Amino acid sequence: MLPPEAKVYFDNLWAEASSNAWRDISQDQEQFQRQEFSSGQRAGDGSYAARLVVVYRDNLSARATSIADALKSVHHSFGSPLDKDVDAQLGDWGVRALSETYRQLEAAYARHLQRFGVQLAHAAGLDLTYTLAQAAVADSLARYLWALRHVPAKHPTATQQERQIMQQNTYNISDVNGSQIQINSDGSTQAQTNHLINDVETVKGLIEDLSGVLDRVSVSGPAEAELRAELATLRAQANSPKPKWEIIRSTARSIKAIAEGAAGNILGALTQPQIATLLALAAS
């Protein structure tokens, strides 16, 4: 089974994606209204609801994709365990997130129509999209897990860059309680990693270094935005009077996963002490 921190991380990812989806539907709805009025359509006519529901259907489909992506990201960030209980756990999170999303969108659709005197018993047209979205999330997750089980290249392994880093620096990480980390350099000594795992100032050092790297290093695609979002989460926890270490650790795992993927040059650009901090947090 995935640990409770994995659910916390999924909730964080989905909350961010959901916030973006609400922003998108607000913009799409405003654009829809302008097109309706410019074409002389009446908001209260019989076909208005059918025209408007297309906006909500598209948004629900996009949210389903975001849920599937969040589930895969969490699974990857927590070591990609291949176990039927984990499969069921991820599936349950996806079902619950999509169900809540559907109810919220249905209510928002009904409220918008009520402004124009249109009353609906339910959001006609959304129910079929919801059924298709359920199948889409389940299918996407199933395909992802099947590939991990049957396609060796799909299962996460250390990248070449990370192997090089590990050759240069020996990180002896075991259980987080009283574990030790050895940095392989002249005159180095073993030190307890508790200060890496539970010291906010060390986390702030990682934040400062990573922020500087993002300003200096060119990162292609959406990876930069993802890293900056994770960095903002890390900064918020580090500045909190009561930081939640499960969120800090899960965020570190996410940063490590992104850095190993589209933004692999990020790891090499960090200073060696901060590489140690990131790897220790991600491993705890």
C-alpha atoms as a PDB file:
ATOM      1  CA  MET A   1       0.000   0.000   0.000  1.00  0.00           C
ATOM      2  CA  LEU A   2       1.099   3.553  -0.624  1.00  0.00           C
ATOM      3  CA  PRO A   3       1.758   5.573   2.567  1.00  0.00           C
ATOM      4  CA  PRO A   4      -0.553   8.362   3.801  1.00  0.00           C
ATOM      5  CA  GLU A   5       1.907  10.915   2.386  1.00  0.00           C
ATOM      6  CA  ALA A   6       1.065   9.668  -1.099  1.00  0.00           C
ATOM      7  CA  LYS A   7      -2.589  10.600  -0.609  1.00  0.00           C
ATOM      8  CA  VAL A   8      -1.549  14.006   0.703  1.00  0.00           C
ATOM      9  CA  TYR A   9       0.573  14.509  -2.389  1.00  0.00           C
ATOM     10  CA  PHE A  10      -2.262  13.392  -4.695  1.00  0.00           C
ATOM     11  CA  ASP A  11      -4.651  15.796  -2.959  1.00  0.00           C
ATOM     12  CA  ASN A  12      -2.137  18.627  -3.449  1.00  0.00           C
ATOM     13  CA  LEU A  13      -1.641  17.840  -7.124  1.00  0.00           C
ATOM     14  CA  TRP A  14      -5.350  17.500  -7.734  1.00  0.00           C
ATOM     15  CA  ALA A  15      -6.186  20.697  -5.816  1.00  0.00           C
ATOM     16  CA  GLU A  16      -3.804  22.632  -8.047  1.00  0.00           C
ATOM     17  CA  ALA A  17      -5.155  21.036 -11.227  1.00  0.00           C
ATOM     18  CA  SER A  18      -8.740  21.612 -10.088  1.00  0.00           C
ATOM     19  CA  SER A  19      -8.027  25.282  -9.399  1.00  0.00           C
ATOM     20  CA  ASN A  20      -6.663  25.659 -12.924  1.00  0.00           C
ATOM     21  CA  ALA A  21      -9.715  23.857 -14.309  1.00  0.00           C
ATOM     22  CA  TRP A  22     -12.105  26.253 -12.550  1.00  0.00           C
ATOM     23  CA  ARG A  23     -10.167  29.171 -13.992  1.00  0.00           C
ATOM     24  CA  ASP A  24     -10.380  27.612 -17.457  1.00  0.00           C
ATOM     25  CA  ILE A  25     -14.114  27.006 -17.305  1.00  0.00           C
ATOM     26  CA  SER A  26     -14.710  30.545 -16.084  1.00  0.00           C
ATOM     27  CA  GLN A  27     -12.828  31.905 -19.087  1.00  0.00           C
ATOM     28  CA  ASP A  28     -14.510  29.474 -21.495  1.00  0.00           C
ATOM     29  CA  GLN A  29     -17.937  30.364 -20.127  1.00  0.00           C
ATOM     30  CA  GLU A  30     -17.306  34.076 -20.550  1.00  0.00           C
ATOM     31  CA  GLN A  31     -16.200  33.476 -24.131  1.00  0.00           C
ATOM     32  CA  PHE A  32     -19.303  31.348 -24.730  1.00  0.00           C
ATOM     33  CA  GLN A  33     -21.544  34.132 -23.405  1.00  0.00           C
ATOM     34  CA  ARG A  34     -19.918  36.702 -25.690  1.00  0.00           C
ATOM     35  CA  GLN A  35     -20.414  34.463 -28.700  1.00  0.00           C
ATOM     36  CA  GLU A  36     -24.032  33.829 -27.733  1.00  0.00           C
ATOM     37  CA  PHE A  37     -24.880  37.502 -27.403  1.00  0.00           C
ATOM     38  CA  SER A  38     -22.965  38.538 -30.501  1.00  0.00           C
ATOM     39  CA  SER A  39     -24.869  35.976 -32.561  1.00  0.00           C
ATOM     40  CA  GLY A  40     -28.225  37.108 -31.160  1.00  0.00           C
ATOM     41  CA  GLN A  41     -28.924  33.919 -29.209  1.00  0.00           C
ATOM     42  CA  ARG A  42     -31.205  34.136 -26.185  1.00  0.00           C
ATOM     43  CA  ALA A  43     -29.954  32.674 -22.914  1.00  0.00           C
ATOM     44  CA  GLY A  44     -33.363  31.393 -21.913  1.00  0.00           C
ATOM     45  CA  ASP A  45     -34.310  29.624 -25.132  1.00  0.00           C
ATOM     46  CA  GLY A  46     -34.789  25.873 -25.307  1.00  0.00           C
ATOM     47  CA  SER A  47     -31.404  25.060 -26.844  1.00  0.00           C
ATOM     48  CA  TYR A  48     -29.277  27.276 -24.595  1.00  0.00           C
ATOM     49  CA  ALA A  49     -28.666  24.534 -22.026  1.00  0.00           C
ATOM     50  CA  ALA A  50     -27.608  22.107 -24.758  1.00  0.00           C
ATOM     51  CA  ARG A  51     -25.157  24.616 -26.176  1.00  0.00           C
ATOM     52  CA  LEU A  52     -23.724  25.531 -22.767  1.00  0.00           C
ATOM     53  CA  VAL A  53     -23.242  21.935 -21.636  1.00  0.00           C
ATOM     54  CA  VAL A  54     -20.535  21.476 -24.278  1.00  0.00           C
ATOM     55  CA  VAL A  55     -18.313  23.837 -22.255  1.00  0.00           C
ATOM     56  CA  TYR A  56     -18.835  21.736 -19.129  1.00  0.00           C
ATOM     57  CA  ARG A  57     -18.356  18.430 -20.948  1.00  0.00           C
ATOM     58  CA  ASP A  58     -14.996  19.572 -22.312  1.00  0.00           C
ATOM     59  CA  ASN A  59     -13.922  20.747 -18.870  1.00  0.00           C
ATOM     60  CA  LEU A  60     -14.939  17.458 -17.232  1.00  0.00           C
ATOM     61  CA  SER A  61     -12.954  15.506 -19.832  1.00  0.00           C
ATOM     62  CA  ALA A  62      -9.894  17.686 -19.209  1.00  0.00           C
ATOM     63  CA  ARG A  63     -10.228  17.161 -15.453  1.00  0.00           C
ATOM     64  CA  ALA A  64     -10.362  13.398 -15.957  1.00  0.00           C
ATOM     65  CA  THR A  65      -7.045  13.598 -17.804  1.00  0.00           C
ATOM     66  CA  SER A  66      -5.566  15.658 -14.957  1.00  0.00           C
ATOM     67  CA  ILE A  67      -6.720  13.096 -12.391  1.00  0.00           C
ATOM     68  CA  ALA A  68      -5.089  10.261 -14.338  1.00  0.00           C
ATOM     69  CA  ASP A  69      -1.868  12.270 -14.676  1.00  0.00           C
ATOM     70  CA  ALA A  70      -1.839  13.050 -10.941  1.00  0.00           C
ATOM     71  CA  LEU A  71      -2.286   9.364 -10.056  1.00  0.00           C
ATOM     72  CA  LYS A  72       0.636   8.392 -12.294  1.00  0.00           C
ATOM     73  CA  SER A  73       2.811  11.157 -10.884  1.00  0.00           C
ATOM     74  CA  VAL A  74       2.139  10.073  -7.296  1.00  0.00           C
ATOM     75  CA  HIS A  75       2.796   6.427  -8.133  1.00  0.00           C
ATOM     76  CA  HIS A  76       6.084   7.326  -9.814  1.00  0.00           C
ATOM     77  CA  SER A  77       7.140   9.640  -6.990  1.00  0.00           C
ATOM     78  CA  PHE A  78       6.657   6.901  -4.391  1.00  0.00           C
ATOM     79  CA  GLY A  79       8.789   4.304  -6.141  1.00  0.00           C
ATOM     80  CA  SER A  80       6.277   2.840  -8.633  1.00  0.00           C
ATOM     81  CA  PRO A  81       5.298  -0.181  -6.494  1.00  0.00           C
ATOM     82  CA  LEU A  82       3.546  -2.914  -8.488  1.00  0.00           C
ATOM     83  CA  ASP A  83       0.991  -4.466  -6.189  1.00  0.00           C
ATOM     84  CA  LYS A  84      -2.731  -5.186  -6.598  1.00  0.00           C
ATOM     85  CA  ASP A  85      -3.503  -3.321  -3.383  1.00  0.00           C
ATOM     86  CA  VAL A  86      -1.708  -0.239  -4.737  1.00  0.00           C
ATOM     87  CA  ASP A  87      -3.612  -0.582  -8.027  1.00  0.00           C
ATOM     88  CA  ALA A  88      -6.888  -0.601  -6.109  1.00  0.00           C
ATOM     89  CA  GLN A  89      -5.754   2.309  -3.934  1.00  0.00           C
ATOM     90  CA  LEU A  90      -4.953   4.488  -6.946  1.00  0.00           C
ATOM     91  CA  GLY A  91      -8.199   3.483  -8.636  1.00  0.00           C
ATOM     92  CA  ASP A  92     -10.205   4.448  -5.554  1.00  0.00           C
ATOM     93  CA  TRP A  93      -8.532   7.869  -5.357  1.00  0.00           C
ATOM     94  CA  GLY A  94      -9.325   8.459  -9.006  1.00  0.00           C
ATOM     95  CA  VAL A  95     -12.975   7.415  -8.645  1.00  0.00           C
ATOM     96  CA  ARG A  96     -13.501   9.652  -5.620  1.00  0.00           C
ATOM     97  CA  ALA A  97     -11.811  12.685  -7.204  1.00  0.00           C
ATOM     98  CA  LEU A  98     -13.804  12.329 -10.421  1.00  0.00           C
ATOM     99  CA  SER A  99     -17.090  11.811  -8.568  1.00  0.00           C
ATOM    100  CA  GLU A 100     -16.552  14.982  -6.531  1.00  0.00           C
ATOM    101  CA  THR A 101     -15.598  16.883  -9.671  1.00  0.00           C
ATOM    102  CA  TYR A 102     -18.734  15.744 -11.477  1.00  0.00           C
ATOM    103  CA  ARG A 103     -20.991  16.831  -8.622  1.00  0.00           C
ATOM    104  CA  GLN A 104     -19.326  20.239  -8.448  1.00  0.00           C
ATOM    105  CA  LEU A 105     -19.564  20.814 -12.191  1.00  0.00           C
ATOM    106  CA  GLU A 106     -23.192  19.650 -12.314  1.00  0.00           C
ATOM    107  CA  ALA A 107     -24.079  22.090  -9.524  1.00  0.00           C
ATOM    108  CA  ALA A 108     -22.215  24.956 -11.208  1.00  0.00           C
ATOM    109  CA  TYR A 109     -23.969  24.233 -14.520  1.00  0.00           C
ATOM    110  CA  ALA A 110     -27.390  24.208 -12.855  1.00  0.00           C
ATOM    111  CA  ARG A 111     -26.674  27.445 -10.960  1.00  0.00           C
ATOM    112  CA  HIS A 112     -25.632  29.206 -14.168  1.00  0.00           C
ATOM    113  CA  LEU A 113     -28.837  28.153 -15.939  1.00  0.00           C
ATOM    114  CA  GLN A 114     -30.974  29.281 -13.002  1.00  0.00           C
ATOM    115  CA  ARG A 115     -29.731  32.832 -13.577  1.00  0.00           C
ATOM    116  CA  PHE A 116     -31.664  32.737 -16.844  1.00  0.00           C
ATOM    117  CA  GLY A 117     -34.726  30.966 -15.519  1.00  0.00           C
ATOM    118  CA  VAL A 118     -33.796  27.532 -16.832  1.00  0.00           C
ATOM    119  CA  GLN A 119     -34.462  24.711 -14.369  1.00  0.00           C
ATOM    120  CA  LEU A 120     -32.922  21.258 -14.822  1.00  0.00           C
ATOM    121  CA  ALA A 121     -33.408  18.123 -12.762  1.00  0.00           C
ATOM    122  CA  HIS A 122     -29.838  17.163 -13.660  1.00  0.00           C
ATOM    123  CA  ALA A 123     -27.114  18.311 -16.009  1.00  0.00           C
ATOM    124  CA  ALA A 124     -28.305  16.672 -19.230  1.00  0.00           C
ATOM    125  CA  GLY A 125     -25.337  15.658 -21.339  1.00  0.00           C
ATOM    126  CA  LEU A 126     -22.867  15.694 -18.469  1.00  0.00           C
ATOM    127  CA  ASP A 127     -23.886  12.273 -17.184  1.00  0.00           C
ATOM    128  CA  LEU A 128     -22.757  10.494 -20.346  1.00  0.00           C
ATOM    129  CA  THR A 129     -19.486  12.435 -20.311  1.00  0.00           C
ATOM    130  CA  TYR A 130     -19.013  11.428 -16.672  1.00  0.00           C
ATOM    131  CA  THR A 131     -19.433   7.760 -17.582  1.00  0.00           C
ATOM    132  CA  LEU A 132     -16.885   8.132 -20.396  1.00  0.00           C
ATOM    133  CA  ALA A 133     -14.529  10.028 -18.067  1.00  0.00           C
ATOM    134  CA  GLN A 134     -14.685   7.202 -15.512  1.00  0.00           C
ATOM    135  CA  ALA A 135     -13.711   4.740 -18.210  1.00  0.00           C
ATOM    136  CA  ALA A 136     -10.955   7.051 -19.473  1.00  0.00           C
ATOM    137  CA  VAL A 137      -9.310   7.413 -16.040  1.00  0.00           C
ATOM    138  CA  ALA A 138      -9.519   3.671 -15.356  1.00  0.00           C
ATOM    139  CA  ASP A 139      -8.162   2.818 -18.813  1.00  0.00           C
ATOM    140  CA  SER A 140      -5.306   5.332 -18.604  1.00  0.00           C
ATOM    141  CA  LEU A 141      -4.254   4.018 -15.193  1.00  0.00           C
ATOM    142  CA  ALA A 142      -4.545   0.392 -16.292  1.00  0.00           C
ATOM    143  CA  ARG A 143      -2.425   0.989 -19.400  1.00  0.00           C
ATOM    144  CA  TYR A 144       0.203   2.789 -17.337  1.00  0.00           C
ATOM    145  CA  LEU A 145       0.425  -0.034 -14.782  1.00  0.00           C
ATOM    146  CA  TRP A 146       0.444  -2.708 -17.494  1.00  0.00           C
ATOM    147  CA  ALA A 147       3.370  -0.988 -19.212  1.00  0.00           C
ATOM    148  CA  LEU A 148       5.312  -0.871 -15.941  1.00  0.00           C
ATOM    149  CA  ARG A 149       4.760  -4.585 -15.453  1.00  0.00           C
ATOM    150  CA  HIS A 150       5.463  -5.764 -18.992  1.00  0.00           C
ATOM    151  CA  VAL A 151       7.696  -3.173 -20.708  1.00  0.00           C
ATOM    152  CA  PRO A 152      11.108  -3.033 -18.963  1.00  0.00           C
ATOM    153  CA  ALA A 153      12.010   0.356 -20.419  1.00  0.00           C
ATOM    154  CA  LYS A 154       8.915   1.886 -18.834  1.00  0.00           C
ATOM    155  CA  HIS A 155       9.813   1.010 -15.260  1.00  0.00           C
ATOM    156  CA  PRO A 156      11.702   3.846 -13.539  1.00  0.00           C
ATOM    157  CA  THR A 157      15.440   3.341 -13.212  1.00  0.00           C
ATOM    158  CA  ALA A 158      18.242   5.704 -12.337  1.00  0.00           C
ATOM    159  CA  THR A 159      19.055   8.085 -15.143  1.00  0.00           C
ATOM    160  CA  GLN A 160      22.573   8.261 -16.536  1.00  0.00           C
ATOM    161  CA  GLN A 161      23.043  11.650 -14.915  1.00  0.00           C
ATOM    162  CA  GLU A 162      21.899  10.395 -11.522  1.00  0.00           C
ATOM    163  CA  ARG A 163      24.215   7.369 -11.836  1.00  0.00           C
ATOM    164  CA  GLN A 164      27.107   9.744 -12.476  1.00  0.00           C
ATOM    165  CA  ILE A 165      26.151  11.810  -9.451  1.00  0.00           C
ATOM    166  CA  MET A 166      25.907   8.706  -7.301  1.00  0.00           C
ATOM    167  CA  GLN A 167      29.340   7.580  -8.487  1.00  0.00           C
ATOM    168  CA  GLN A 168      30.813  10.898  -7.431  1.00  0.00           C
ATOM    169  CA  ASN A 169      28.958  11.039  -4.119  1.00  0.00           C
ATOM    170  CA  THR A 170      28.196   8.008  -1.965  1.00  0.00           C
ATOM    171  CA  TYR A 171      24.851   8.511  -0.229  1.00  0.00           C
ATOM    172  CA  ASN A 172      24.388   5.885   2.450  1.00  0.00           C
ATOM    173  CA  ILE A 173      20.694   6.333   3.212  1.00  0.00           C
ATOM    174  CA  SER A 174      18.710   3.840   5.237  1.00  0.00           C
ATOM    175  CA  ASP A 175      15.920   4.212   7.746  1.00  0.00           C
ATOM    176  CA  VAL A 176      15.145   7.878   8.442  1.00  0.00           C
ATOM    177  CA  ASN A 177      15.362   7.407  12.171  1.00  0.00           C
ATOM    178  CA  GLY A 178      19.060   7.708  12.980  1.00  0.00           C
ATOM    179  CA  SER A 179      20.104   7.067   9.370  1.00  0.00           C
ATOM    180  CA  GLN A 180      23.445   8.253   8.070  1.00  0.00           C
ATOM    181  CA  ILE A 181      24.678   9.878   4.896  1.00  0.00           C
ATOM    182  CA  GLN A 182      28.246   9.661   3.681  1.00  0.00           C
ATOM    183  CA  ILE A 183      29.458  12.184   1.132  1.00  0.00           C
ATOM    184  CA  ASN A 184      32.465  10.753  -0.636  1.00  0.00           C
ATOM    185  CA  SER A 185      35.075  13.494  -0.555  1.00  0.00           C
ATOM    186  CA  ASP A 186      38.438  14.050   1.053  1.00  0.00           C
ATOM    187  CA  GLY A 187      38.125  14.295   4.804  1.00  0.00           C
ATOM    188  CA  SER A 188      34.393  13.654   4.783  1.00  0.00           C
ATOM    189  CA  THR A 189      32.774  12.018   7.780  1.00  0.00           C
ATOM    190  CA  GLN A 190      29.477  10.346   8.370  1.00  0.00           C
ATOM    191  CA  ALA A 191      26.763  12.571   9.740  1.00  0.00           C
ATOM    192  CA  GLN A 192      23.307  11.832  10.971  1.00  0.00           C
ATOM    193  CA  THR A 193      20.691  12.675   8.304  1.00  0.00           C
ATOM    194  CA  ASN A 194      18.141  13.700  10.910  1.00  0.00           C
ATOM    195  CA  HIS A 195      19.171  17.326  10.389  1.00  0.00           C
ATOM    196  CA  LEU A 196      18.593  16.883   6.639  1.00  0.00           C
ATOM    197  CA  ILE A 197      15.205  15.330   7.174  1.00  0.00           C
ATOM    198  CA  ASN A 198      13.884  17.547   9.958  1.00  0.00           C
ATOM    199  CA  ASP A 199      15.829  20.814   9.777  1.00  0.00           C
ATOM    200  CA  VAL A 200      13.867  23.645   8.129  1.00  0.00           C
ATOM    201  CA  GLU A 201      17.012  25.710   7.544  1.00  0.00           C
ATOM    202  CA  THR A 202      18.462  22.886   5.453  1.00  0.00           C
ATOM    203  CA  VAL A 203      15.265  22.792   3.411  1.00  0.00           C
ATOM    204  CA  LYS A 204      15.494  26.550   2.922  1.00  0.00           C
ATOM    205  CA  GLY A 205      19.014  26.070   1.606  1.00  0.00           C
ATOM    206  CA  LEU A 206      17.691  23.601  -0.955  1.00  0.00           C
ATOM    207  CA  ILE A 207      14.937  26.053  -1.926  1.00  0.00           C
ATOM    208  CA  GLU A 208      17.421  28.889  -2.434  1.00  0.00           C
ATOM    209  CA  ASP A 209      19.773  26.744  -4.492  1.00  0.00           C
ATOM    210  CA  LEU A 210      17.001  25.244  -6.627  1.00  0.00           C
ATOM    211  CA  SER A 211      15.442  28.658  -7.207  1.00  0.00           C
ATOM    212  CA  GLY A 212      18.773  29.978  -8.434  1.00  0.00           C
ATOM    213  CA  VAL A 213      19.225  26.987 -10.735  1.00  0.00           C
ATOM    214  CA  LEU A 214      15.781  27.551 -12.294  1.00  0.00           C
ATOM    215  CA  ASP A 215      16.743  31.161 -12.987  1.00  0.00           C
ATOM    216  CA  ARG A 216      20.016  30.111 -14.629  1.00  0.00           C
ATOM    217  CA  VAL A 217      19.219  26.857 -16.402  1.00  0.00           C
ATOM    218  CA  SER A 218      16.950  26.613 -19.417  1.00  0.00           C
ATOM    219  CA  VAL A 219      14.248  23.992 -18.854  1.00  0.00           C
ATOM    220  CA  SER A 220      12.093  22.977 -21.800  1.00  0.00           C
ATOM    221  CA  GLY A 221       8.366  22.220 -21.872  1.00  0.00           C
ATOM    222  CA  PRO A 222       6.095  22.260 -18.810  1.00  0.00           C
ATOM    223  CA  ALA A 223       8.852  21.009 -16.515  1.00  0.00           C
ATOM    224  CA  GLU A 224       9.857  24.514 -15.387  1.00  0.00           C
ATOM    225  CA  ALA A 225       6.287  25.396 -14.392  1.00  0.00           C
ATOM    226  CA  GLU A 226       5.960  22.082 -12.539  1.00  0.00           C
ATOM    227  CA  LEU A 227       9.229  22.640 -10.701  1.00  0.00           C
ATOM    228  CA  ARG A 228       8.311  26.194  -9.731  1.00  0.00           C
ATOM    229  CA  ALA A 229       4.932  24.979  -8.447  1.00  0.00           C
ATOM    230  CA  GLU A 230       6.619  22.299  -6.345  1.00  0.00           C
ATOM    231  CA  LEU A 231       9.167  24.863  -5.166  1.00  0.00           C
ATOM    232  CA  ALA A 232       6.335  27.152  -4.052  1.00  0.00           C
ATOM    233  CA  THR A 233       4.860  24.272  -2.036  1.00  0.00           C
ATOM    234  CA  LEU A 234       8.243  23.605  -0.456  1.00  0.00           C
ATOM    235  CA  ARG A 235       8.737  27.296   0.368  1.00  0.00           C
ATOM    236  CA  ALA A 236       5.280  27.574   1.940  1.00  0.00           C
ATOM    237  CA  GLN A 237       5.982  24.616   4.209  1.00  0.00           C
ATOM    238  CA  ALA A 238       9.475  25.847   5.133  1.00  0.00           C
ATOM    239  CA  ASN A 239       8.047  29.242   6.107  1.00  0.00           C
ATOM    240  CA  SER A 240       5.143  27.738   8.034  1.00  0.00           C
ATOM    241  CA  PRO A 241       5.321  27.891  11.857  1.00  0.00           C
ATOM    242  CA  LYS A 242       4.309  24.213  11.804  1.00  0.00           C
ATOM    243  CA  PRO A 243       5.763  22.675   8.631  1.00  0.00           C
ATOM    244  CA  LYS A 244       4.236  19.381   7.535  1.00  0.00           C
ATOM    245  CA  TRP A 245       7.160  17.084   6.872  1.00  0.00           C
ATOM    246  CA  GLU A 246       5.110  14.557   4.966  1.00  0.00           C
ATOM    247  CA  ILE A 247       4.346  17.298   2.407  1.00  0.00           C
ATOM    248  CA  ILE A 248       7.979  18.432   2.323  1.00  0.00           C
ATOM    249  CA  ARG A 249       9.165  14.882   1.666  1.00  0.00           C
ATOM    250  CA  SER A 250       6.535  14.126  -0.967  1.00  0.00           C
ATOM    251  CA  THR A 251       7.345  17.434  -2.684  1.00  0.00           C
ATOM    252  CA  ALA A 252      11.036  16.513  -2.690  1.00  0.00           C
ATOM    253  CA  ARG A 253      10.134  13.204  -4.343  1.00  0.00           C
ATOM    254  CA  SER A 254       8.171  15.049  -6.992  1.00  0.00           C
ATOM    255  CA  ILE A 255      11.045  17.479  -7.645  1.00  0.00           C
ATOM    256  CA  LYS A 256      13.432  14.539  -7.955  1.00  0.00           C
ATOM    257  CA  ALA A 257      11.091  12.778 -10.383  1.00  0.00           C
ATOM    258  CA  ILE A 258      10.729  15.885 -12.571  1.00  0.00           C
ATOM    259  CA  ALA A 259      14.484  16.508 -12.458  1.00  0.00           C
ATOM    260  CA  GLU A 260      15.109  12.934 -13.589  1.00  0.00           C
ATOM    261  CA  GLY A 261      12.758  13.381 -16.517  1.00  0.00           C
ATOM    262  CA  ALA A 262      12.332  16.405 -18.749  1.00  0.00           C
ATOM    263  CA  ALA A 263      14.537  18.568 -16.561  1.00  0.00           C
ATOM    264  CA  GLY A 264      17.431  16.180 -15.954  1.00  0.00           C
ATOM    265  CA  ASN A 265      20.032  18.964 -16.110  1.00  0.00           C
ATOM    266  CA  ILE A 266      18.604  20.410 -12.890  1.00  0.00           C
ATOM    267  CA  LEU A 267      20.221  17.705 -10.730  1.00  0.00           C
ATOM    268  CA  GLY A 268      23.676  18.396 -12.119  1.00  0.00           C
ATOM    269  CA  ALA A 269      23.289  22.144 -11.608  1.00  0.00           C
ATOM    270  CA  LEU A 270      22.561  21.838  -7.882  1.00  0.00           C
ATOM    271  CA  THR A 271      25.466  22.078  -5.453  1.00  0.00           C
ATOM    272  CA  GLN A 272      26.587  18.772  -3.962  1.00  0.00           C
ATOM    273  CA  PRO A 273      25.222  19.511  -0.455  1.00  0.00           C
ATOM    274  CA  GLN A 274      21.808  20.329  -1.936  1.00  0.00           C
ATOM    275  CA  ILE A 275      21.836  17.189  -4.092  1.00  0.00           C
ATOM    276  CA  ALA A 276      22.408  15.318  -0.850  1.00  0.00           C
ATOM    277  CA  THR A 277      19.526  17.155   0.809  1.00  0.00           C
ATOM    278  CA  LEU A 278      17.140  16.454  -2.071  1.00  0.00           C
ATOM    279  CA  LEU A 279      18.043  12.774  -2.294  1.00  0.00           C
ATOM    280  CA  ALA A 280      17.812  12.335   1.478  1.00  0.00           C
ATOM    281  CA  LEU A 281      14.390  13.966   1.643  1.00  0.00           C
ATOM    282  CA  ALA A 282      13.144  11.984  -1.350  1.00  0.00           C
ATOM    283  CA  ALA A 283      14.392   8.734   0.154  1.00  0.00           C
ATOM    284  CA  SER A 284      12.830   9.303   3.571  1.00  0.00           C
END
